Amino acid sequence: RILDQRRLPSEVVTLDLGTEDEVVEAIRTLAV
């Protein structure tokens, strides 16, 4: 579970990532 930092500060949204590919995409798109 990551805090989607692209949505801050106006929203607090978390993403549940179930695969390594989803984690890679979250890092690549600066969600982390």
PDB file of all heavy atoms in Angstrom:
ATOM      1  N   ARG A   1       0.859  -1.187   0.000  1.00  0.00           N
ATOM      2  CA  ARG A   1       0.000   0.000   0.000  1.00  0.00           C
ATOM      3  C   ARG A   1       0.893   1.233   0.000  1.00  0.00           C
ATOM      4  O   ARG A   1       1.781   1.365   0.832  1.00  0.00           O
ATOM      5  CB  ARG A   1      -0.914   0.017   1.217  1.00  0.00           C
ATOM      6  CG  ARG A   1      -1.794   1.265   1.271  1.00  0.00           C
ATOM      7  CD  ARG A   1      -2.868   1.155   2.313  1.00  0.00           C
ATOM      8  NE  ARG A   1      -3.849   0.182   1.838  1.00  0.00           N
ATOM      9  CZ  ARG A   1      -4.654  -0.522   2.631  1.00  0.00           C
ATOM     10  NH1 ARG A   1      -4.598  -0.375   3.931  1.00  0.00           N
ATOM     11  NH2 ARG A   1      -5.511  -1.382   2.114  1.00  0.00           N
ATOM     12  N   ILE A   2       0.658   2.113  -0.962  1.00  0.00           N
ATOM     13  CA  ILE A   2       1.439   3.344  -1.030  1.00  0.00           C
ATOM     14  C   ILE A   2       0.509   4.553  -0.970  1.00  0.00           C
ATOM     15  O   ILE A   2      -0.645   4.502  -1.398  1.00  0.00           O
ATOM     16  CB  ILE A   2       2.305   3.430  -2.305  1.00  0.00           C
ATOM     17  CG1 ILE A   2       1.433   3.497  -3.561  1.00  0.00           C
ATOM     18  CG2 ILE A   2       3.301   2.292  -2.372  1.00  0.00           C
ATOM     19  CD1 ILE A   2       2.143   4.058  -4.762  1.00  0.00           C
ATOM     20  N   LEU A   3       1.021   5.621  -0.428  1.00  0.00           N
ATOM     21  CA  LEU A   3       0.354   6.912  -0.471  1.00  0.00           C
ATOM     22  C   LEU A   3       0.665   7.508  -1.838  1.00  0.00           C
ATOM     23  O   LEU A   3       1.831   7.690  -2.195  1.00  0.00           O
ATOM     24  CB  LEU A   3       0.891   7.808   0.645  1.00  0.00           C
ATOM     25  CG  LEU A   3       0.375   9.234   0.698  1.00  0.00           C
ATOM     26  CD1 LEU A   3      -1.129   9.244   0.988  1.00  0.00           C
ATOM     27  CD2 LEU A   3       1.127  10.014   1.766  1.00  0.00           C
ATOM     28  N   ASP A   4      -0.358   7.761  -2.634  1.00  0.00           N
ATOM     29  CA  ASP A   4      -0.169   8.312  -3.982  1.00  0.00           C
ATOM     30  C   ASP A   4       0.221   9.779  -3.856  1.00  0.00           C
ATOM     31  O   ASP A   4      -0.619  10.657  -3.654  1.00  0.00           O
ATOM     32  CB  ASP A   4      -1.441   8.150  -4.802  1.00  0.00           C
ATOM     33  CG  ASP A   4      -1.244   8.528  -6.261  1.00  0.00           C
ATOM     34  OD1 ASP A   4      -0.215   9.166  -6.597  1.00  0.00           O
ATOM     35  OD2 ASP A   4      -2.129   8.199  -7.072  1.00  0.00           O
ATOM     36  N   GLN A   5       1.501  10.048  -3.968  1.00  0.00           N
ATOM     37  CA  GLN A   5       2.010  11.389  -3.737  1.00  0.00           C
ATOM     38  C   GLN A   5       1.701  12.352  -4.879  1.00  0.00           C
ATOM     39  O   GLN A   5       1.858  13.560  -4.729  1.00  0.00           O
ATOM     40  CB  GLN A   5       3.499  11.331  -3.443  1.00  0.00           C
ATOM     41  CG  GLN A   5       3.734  10.585  -2.138  1.00  0.00           C
ATOM     42  CD  GLN A   5       5.180  10.564  -1.723  1.00  0.00           C
ATOM     43  OE1 GLN A   5       5.979  11.386  -2.149  1.00  0.00           O
ATOM     44  NE2 GLN A   5       5.519   9.620  -0.868  1.00  0.00           N
ATOM     45  N   ARG A   6       1.217  11.820  -6.000  1.00  0.00           N
ATOM     46  CA  ARG A   6       0.802  12.702  -7.097  1.00  0.00           C
ATOM     47  C   ARG A   6      -0.464  13.465  -6.740  1.00  0.00           C
ATOM     48  O   ARG A   6      -0.743  14.512  -7.310  1.00  0.00           O
ATOM     49  CB  ARG A   6       0.530  11.880  -8.372  1.00  0.00           C
ATOM     50  CG  ARG A   6       1.741  11.103  -8.862  1.00  0.00           C
ATOM     51  CD  ARG A   6       1.351  10.132  -9.919  1.00  0.00           C
ATOM     52  NE  ARG A   6       0.441   9.119  -9.344  1.00  0.00           N
ATOM     53  CZ  ARG A   6       0.097   8.000  -9.953  1.00  0.00           C
ATOM     54  NH1 ARG A   6       0.565   7.738 -11.159  1.00  0.00           N
ATOM     55  NH2 ARG A   6      -0.713   7.140  -9.375  1.00  0.00           N
ATOM     56  N   ARG A   7      -1.244  12.935  -5.811  1.00  0.00           N
ATOM     57  CA  ARG A   7      -2.538  13.523  -5.461  1.00  0.00           C
ATOM     58  C   ARG A   7      -2.458  14.507  -4.301  1.00  0.00           C
ATOM     59  O   ARG A   7      -3.435  15.191  -4.021  1.00  0.00           O
ATOM     60  CB  ARG A   7      -3.523  12.407  -5.105  1.00  0.00           C
ATOM     61  CG  ARG A   7      -3.635  11.296  -6.134  1.00  0.00           C
ATOM     62  CD  ARG A   7      -4.383  11.681  -7.389  1.00  0.00           C
ATOM     63  NE  ARG A   7      -5.787  11.840  -7.177  1.00  0.00           N
ATOM     64  CZ  ARG A   7      -6.690  10.873  -7.287  1.00  0.00           C
ATOM     65  NH1 ARG A   7      -6.327   9.665  -7.609  1.00  0.00           N
ATOM     66  NH2 ARG A   7      -7.956  11.145  -7.071  1.00  0.00           N
ATOM     67  N   LEU A   8      -1.324  14.544  -3.623  1.00  0.00           N
ATOM     68  CA  LEU A   8      -1.147  15.463  -2.505  1.00  0.00           C
ATOM     69  C   LEU A   8      -0.975  16.887  -3.006  1.00  0.00           C
ATOM     70  O   LEU A   8      -0.487  17.086  -4.108  1.00  0.00           O
ATOM     71  CB  LEU A   8       0.086  15.059  -1.682  1.00  0.00           C
ATOM     72  CG  LEU A   8      -0.009  13.735  -0.953  1.00  0.00           C
ATOM     73  CD1 LEU A   8       1.332  13.394  -0.324  1.00  0.00           C
ATOM     74  CD2 LEU A   8      -1.101  13.747   0.097  1.00  0.00           C
ATOM     75  N   PRO A   9      -1.331  17.916  -2.313  1.00  0.00           N
ATOM     76  CA  PRO A   9      -1.887  17.941  -0.973  1.00  0.00           C
ATOM     77  C   PRO A   9      -3.417  17.961  -0.946  1.00  0.00           C
ATOM     78  O   PRO A   9      -4.020  17.938   0.110  1.00  0.00           O
ATOM     79  CB  PRO A   9      -1.339  19.233  -0.384  1.00  0.00           C
ATOM     80  CG  PRO A   9      -1.292  20.155  -1.552  1.00  0.00           C
ATOM     81  CD  PRO A   9      -0.942  19.264  -2.738  1.00  0.00           C
ATOM     82  N   SER A  10      -4.050  18.010  -2.121  1.00  0.00           N
ATOM     83  CA  SER A  10      -5.507  18.167  -2.131  1.00  0.00           C
ATOM     84  C   SER A  10      -6.275  16.910  -1.741  1.00  0.00           C
ATOM     85  O   SER A  10      -7.392  17.008  -1.241  1.00  0.00           O
ATOM     86  CB  SER A  10      -5.977  18.652  -3.502  1.00  0.00           C
ATOM     87  OG  SER A  10      -5.618  17.708  -4.494  1.00  0.00           O
ATOM     88  N   GLU A  11      -5.681  15.731  -1.962  1.00  0.00           N
ATOM     89  CA  GLU A  11      -6.340  14.476  -1.626  1.00  0.00           C
ATOM     90  C   GLU A  11      -5.349  13.527  -0.976  1.00  0.00           C
ATOM     91  O   GLU A  11      -4.160  13.549  -1.299  1.00  0.00           O
ATOM     92  CB  GLU A  11      -6.871  13.786  -2.880  1.00  0.00           C
ATOM     93  CG  GLU A  11      -7.956  14.511  -3.614  1.00  0.00           C
ATOM     94  CD  GLU A  11      -8.357  13.735  -4.844  1.00  0.00           C
ATOM     95  OE1 GLU A  11      -7.679  13.876  -5.876  1.00  0.00           O
ATOM     96  OE2 GLU A  11      -9.328  12.969  -4.762  1.00  0.00           O
ATOM     97  N   VAL A  12      -5.857  12.684  -0.092  1.00  0.00           N
ATOM     98  CA  VAL A  12      -5.062  11.594   0.470  1.00  0.00           C
ATOM     99  C   VAL A  12      -5.620  10.309  -0.118  1.00  0.00           C
ATOM    100  O   VAL A  12      -6.729   9.900   0.211  1.00  0.00           O
ATOM    101  CB  VAL A  12      -5.140  11.575   2.015  1.00  0.00           C
ATOM    102  CG1 VAL A  12      -4.379  10.385   2.571  1.00  0.00           C
ATOM    103  CG2 VAL A  12      -4.590  12.871   2.585  1.00  0.00           C
ATOM    104  N   VAL A  13      -4.861   9.724  -1.044  1.00  0.00           N
ATOM    105  CA  VAL A  13      -5.292   8.527  -1.764  1.00  0.00           C
ATOM    106  C   VAL A  13      -4.215   7.465  -1.623  1.00  0.00           C
ATOM    107  O   VAL A  13      -3.023   7.754  -1.779  1.00  0.00           O
ATOM    108  CB  VAL A  13      -5.526   8.843  -3.266  1.00  0.00           C
ATOM    109  CG1 VAL A  13      -5.877   7.594  -4.048  1.00  0.00           C
ATOM    110  CG2 VAL A  13      -6.607   9.893  -3.424  1.00  0.00           C
ATOM    111  N   THR A  14      -4.627   6.242  -1.313  1.00  0.00           N
ATOM    112  CA  THR A  14      -3.682   5.135  -1.265  1.00  0.00           C
ATOM    113  C   THR A  14      -3.953   4.198  -2.431  1.00  0.00           C
ATOM    114  O   THR A  14      -5.079   4.098  -2.932  1.00  0.00           O
ATOM    115  CB  THR A  14      -3.775   4.352   0.054  1.00  0.00           C
ATOM    116  OG1 THR A  14      -5.094   3.847   0.220  1.00  0.00           O
ATOM    117  CG2 THR A  14      -3.381   5.222   1.240  1.00  0.00           C
ATOM    118  N   LEU A  15      -2.900   3.515  -2.863  1.00  0.00           N
ATOM    119  CA  LEU A  15      -2.996   2.512  -3.914  1.00  0.00           C
ATOM    120  C   LEU A  15      -2.531   1.184  -3.351  1.00  0.00           C
ATOM    121  O   LEU A  15      -1.482   1.121  -2.694  1.00  0.00           O
ATOM    122  CB  LEU A  15      -2.108   2.898  -5.100  1.00  0.00           C
ATOM    123  CG  LEU A  15      -2.359   4.254  -5.750  1.00  0.00           C
ATOM    124  CD1 LEU A  15      -1.298   4.533  -6.796  1.00  0.00           C
ATOM    125  CD2 LEU A  15      -3.749   4.310  -6.356  1.00  0.00           C
ATOM    126  N   ASP A  16      -3.277   0.121  -3.603  1.00  0.00           N
ATOM    127  CA  ASP A  16      -2.867  -1.222  -3.224  1.00  0.00           C
ATOM    128  C   ASP A  16      -2.279  -1.898  -4.453  1.00  0.00           C
ATOM    129  O   ASP A  16      -2.974  -2.082  -5.463  1.00  0.00           O
ATOM    130  CB  ASP A  16      -4.048  -2.032  -2.684  1.00  0.00           C
ATOM    131  CG  ASP A  16      -4.488  -1.563  -1.314  1.00  0.00           C
ATOM    132  OD1 ASP A  16      -3.731  -0.801  -0.680  1.00  0.00           O
ATOM    133  OD2 ASP A  16      -5.580  -1.954  -0.877  1.00  0.00           O
ATOM    134  N   LEU A  17      -1.008  -2.243  -4.376  1.00  0.00           N
ATOM    135  CA  LEU A  17      -0.265  -2.802  -5.495  1.00  0.00           C
ATOM    136  C   LEU A  17      -0.016  -4.281  -5.231  1.00  0.00           C
ATOM    137  O   LEU A  17       0.648  -4.629  -4.256  1.00  0.00           O
ATOM    138  CB  LEU A  17       1.053  -2.052  -5.670  1.00  0.00           C
ATOM    139  CG  LEU A  17       0.928  -0.515  -5.657  1.00  0.00           C
ATOM    140  CD1 LEU A  17       2.297   0.129  -5.648  1.00  0.00           C
ATOM    141  CD2 LEU A  17       0.093  -0.036  -6.828  1.00  0.00           C
ATOM    142  N   GLY A  18      -0.523  -5.138  -6.084  1.00  0.00           N
ATOM    143  CA  GLY A  18      -0.452  -6.574  -5.849  1.00  0.00           C
ATOM    144  C   GLY A  18       0.634  -7.301  -6.606  1.00  0.00           C
ATOM    145  O   GLY A  18       0.855  -8.484  -6.375  1.00  0.00           O
ATOM    146  N   THR A  19       1.318  -6.604  -7.521  1.00  0.00           N
ATOM    147  CA  THR A  19       2.381  -7.252  -8.298  1.00  0.00           C
ATOM    148  C   THR A  19       3.607  -6.345  -8.357  1.00  0.00           C
ATOM    149  O   THR A  19       3.505  -5.129  -8.159  1.00  0.00           O
ATOM    150  CB  THR A  19       1.933  -7.539  -9.746  1.00  0.00           C
ATOM    151  OG1 THR A  19       1.776  -6.298 -10.445  1.00  0.00           O
ATOM    152  CG2 THR A  19       0.644  -8.346  -9.783  1.00  0.00           C
ATOM    153  N   GLU A  20       4.721  -6.941  -8.682  1.00  0.00           N
ATOM    154  CA  GLU A  20       5.935  -6.140  -8.812  1.00  0.00           C
ATOM    155  C   GLU A  20       5.814  -5.160  -9.975  1.00  0.00           C
ATOM    156  O   GLU A  20       6.360  -4.061  -9.935  1.00  0.00           O
ATOM    157  CB  GLU A  20       7.181  -7.017  -8.944  1.00  0.00           C
ATOM    158  CG  GLU A  20       7.284  -7.833 -10.203  1.00  0.00           C
ATOM    159  CD  GLU A  20       6.581  -9.184 -10.162  1.00  0.00           C
ATOM    160  OE1 GLU A  20       5.765  -9.444  -9.269  1.00  0.00           O
ATOM    161  OE2 GLU A  20       6.871  -9.988 -11.072  1.00  0.00           O
ATOM    162  N   ASP A  21       5.077  -5.527 -11.032  1.00  0.00           N
ATOM    163  CA  ASP A  21       4.884  -4.611 -12.157  1.00  0.00           C
ATOM    164  C   ASP A  21       4.112  -3.359 -11.739  1.00  0.00           C
ATOM    165  O   ASP A  21       4.403  -2.260 -12.212  1.00  0.00           O
ATOM    166  CB  ASP A  21       4.148  -5.311 -13.302  1.00  0.00           C
ATOM    167  CG  ASP A  21       5.002  -6.375 -13.974  1.00  0.00           C
ATOM    168  OD1 ASP A  21       6.247  -6.262 -13.940  1.00  0.00           O
ATOM    169  OD2 ASP A  21       4.416  -7.315 -14.545  1.00  0.00           O
ATOM    170  N   GLU A  22       3.134  -3.522 -10.857  1.00  0.00           N
ATOM    171  CA  GLU A  22       2.400  -2.363 -10.360  1.00  0.00           C
ATOM    172  C   GLU A  22       3.293  -1.473  -9.509  1.00  0.00           C
ATOM    173  O   GLU A  22       3.192  -0.247  -9.567  1.00  0.00           O
ATOM    174  CB  GLU A  22       1.174  -2.812  -9.562  1.00  0.00           C
ATOM    175  CG  GLU A  22       0.094  -3.440 -10.424  1.00  0.00           C
ATOM    176  CD  GLU A  22      -1.058  -3.986  -9.615  1.00  0.00           C
ATOM    177  OE1 GLU A  22      -0.897  -4.231  -8.399  1.00  0.00           O
ATOM    178  OE2 GLU A  22      -2.140  -4.174 -10.205  1.00  0.00           O
ATOM    179  N   VAL A  23       4.189  -2.079  -8.746  1.00  0.00           N
ATOM    180  CA  VAL A  23       5.133  -1.297  -7.939  1.00  0.00           C
ATOM    181  C   VAL A  23       6.075  -0.516  -8.852  1.00  0.00           C
ATOM    182  O   VAL A  23       6.310   0.680  -8.645  1.00  0.00           O
ATOM    183  CB  VAL A  23       5.913  -2.196  -6.958  1.00  0.00           C
ATOM    184  CG1 VAL A  23       6.985  -1.396  -6.229  1.00  0.00           C
ATOM    185  CG2 VAL A  23       4.975  -2.871  -5.967  1.00  0.00           C
ATOM    186  N   VAL A  24       6.585  -1.178  -9.880  1.00  0.00           N
ATOM    187  CA  VAL A  24       7.468  -0.507 -10.839  1.00  0.00           C
ATOM    188  C   VAL A  24       6.749   0.680 -11.478  1.00  0.00           C
ATOM    189  O   VAL A  24       7.310   1.775 -11.592  1.00  0.00           O
ATOM    190  CB  VAL A  24       7.958  -1.494 -11.918  1.00  0.00           C
ATOM    191  CG1 VAL A  24       8.625  -0.775 -13.075  1.00  0.00           C
ATOM    192  CG2 VAL A  24       8.902  -2.521 -11.317  1.00  0.00           C
ATOM    193  N   GLU A  25       5.504   0.491 -11.878  1.00  0.00           N
ATOM    194  CA  GLU A  25       4.732   1.572 -12.509  1.00  0.00           C
ATOM    195  C   GLU A  25       4.511   2.727 -11.534  1.00  0.00           C
ATOM    196  O   GLU A  25       4.591   3.894 -11.925  1.00  0.00           O
ATOM    197  CB  GLU A  25       3.401   1.033 -13.025  1.00  0.00           C
ATOM    198  CG  GLU A  25       2.587   2.047 -13.784  1.00  0.00           C
ATOM    199  CD  GLU A  25       3.197   2.496 -15.100  1.00  0.00           C
ATOM    200  OE1 GLU A  25       4.191   1.919 -15.566  1.00  0.00           O
ATOM    201  OE2 GLU A  25       2.671   3.471 -15.662  1.00  0.00           O
ATOM    202  N   ALA A  26       4.247   2.426 -10.277  1.00  0.00           N
ATOM    203  CA  ALA A  26       4.059   3.478  -9.279  1.00  0.00           C
ATOM    204  C   ALA A  26       5.337   4.294  -9.099  1.00  0.00           C
ATOM    205  O   ALA A  26       5.287   5.521  -8.973  1.00  0.00           O
ATOM    206  CB  ALA A  26       3.612   2.879  -7.954  1.00  0.00           C
ATOM    207  N   ILE A  27       6.469   3.622  -9.110  1.00  0.00           N
ATOM    208  CA  ILE A  27       7.749   4.331  -8.995  1.00  0.00           C
ATOM    209  C   ILE A  27       8.002   5.152 -10.262  1.00  0.00           C
ATOM    210  O   ILE A  27       8.370   6.323 -10.196  1.00  0.00           O
ATOM    211  CB  ILE A  27       8.906   3.342  -8.739  1.00  0.00           C
ATOM    212  CG1 ILE A  27       8.740   2.696  -7.354  1.00  0.00           C
ATOM    213  CG2 ILE A  27      10.258   4.032  -8.864  1.00  0.00           C
ATOM    214  CD1 ILE A  27       9.661   1.509  -7.107  1.00  0.00           C
ATOM    215  N   ARG A  28       7.767   4.549 -11.416  1.00  0.00           N
ATOM    216  CA  ARG A  28       8.020   5.213 -12.695  1.00  0.00           C
ATOM    217  C   ARG A  28       7.177   6.474 -12.870  1.00  0.00           C
ATOM    218  O   ARG A  28       7.647   7.483 -13.403  1.00  0.00           O
ATOM    219  CB  ARG A  28       7.752   4.247 -13.856  1.00  0.00           C
ATOM    220  CG  ARG A  28       8.194   4.762 -15.206  1.00  0.00           C
ATOM    221  CD  ARG A  28       7.808   3.828 -16.339  1.00  0.00           C
ATOM    222  NE  ARG A  28       6.376   3.810 -16.586  1.00  0.00           N
ATOM    223  CZ  ARG A  28       5.676   4.805 -17.137  1.00  0.00           C
ATOM    224  NH1 ARG A  28       6.275   5.919 -17.467  1.00  0.00           N
ATOM    225  NH2 ARG A  28       4.388   4.701 -17.338  1.00  0.00           N
ATOM    226  N   THR A  29       5.939   6.434 -12.399  1.00  0.00           N
ATOM    227  CA  THR A  29       5.025   7.567 -12.585  1.00  0.00           C
ATOM    228  C   THR A  29       5.047   8.541 -11.413  1.00  0.00           C
ATOM    229  O   THR A  29       4.209   9.437 -11.337  1.00  0.00           O
ATOM    230  CB  THR A  29       3.585   7.068 -12.816  1.00  0.00           C
ATOM    231  OG1 THR A  29       3.162   6.327 -11.669  1.00  0.00           O
ATOM    232  CG2 THR A  29       3.494   6.226 -14.069  1.00  0.00           C
ATOM    233  N   LEU A  30       5.988   8.354 -10.492  1.00  0.00           N
ATOM    234  CA  LEU A  30       6.196   9.234  -9.342  1.00  0.00           C
ATOM    235  C   LEU A  30       5.044   9.224  -8.345  1.00  0.00           C
ATOM    236  O   LEU A  30       4.829  10.199  -7.629  1.00  0.00           O
ATOM    237  CB  LEU A  30       6.510  10.665  -9.784  1.00  0.00           C
ATOM    238  CG  LEU A  30       7.785  10.830 -10.615  1.00  0.00           C
ATOM    239  CD1 LEU A  30       7.930  12.271 -11.064  1.00  0.00           C
ATOM    240  CD2 LEU A  30       8.994  10.372  -9.836  1.00  0.00           C
ATOM    241  N   ALA A  31       4.310   8.110  -8.280  1.00  0.00           N
ATOM    242  CA  ALA A  31       3.332   7.959  -7.206  1.00  0.00           C
ATOM    243  C   ALA A  31       4.074   7.794  -5.886  1.00  0.00           C
ATOM    244  O   ALA A  31       3.564   8.135  -4.831  1.00  0.00           O
ATOM    245  CB  ALA A  31       2.421   6.767  -7.464  1.00  0.00           C
ATOM    246  N   VAL A  32       5.291   7.247  -5.971  1.00  0.00           N
ATOM    247  CA  VAL A  32       6.188   7.131  -4.817  1.00  0.00           C
ATOM    248  C   VAL A  32       7.349   8.075  -5.087  1.00  0.00           C
ATOM    249  O   VAL A  32       7.959   8.009  -6.148  1.00  0.00           O
ATOM    250  CB  VAL A  32       6.731   5.692  -4.659  1.00  0.00           C
ATOM    251  CG1 VAL A  32       7.693   5.595  -3.510  1.00  0.00           C
ATOM    252  CG2 VAL A  32       5.597   4.706  -4.501  1.00  0.00           C
TER     253      VAL A  32
END
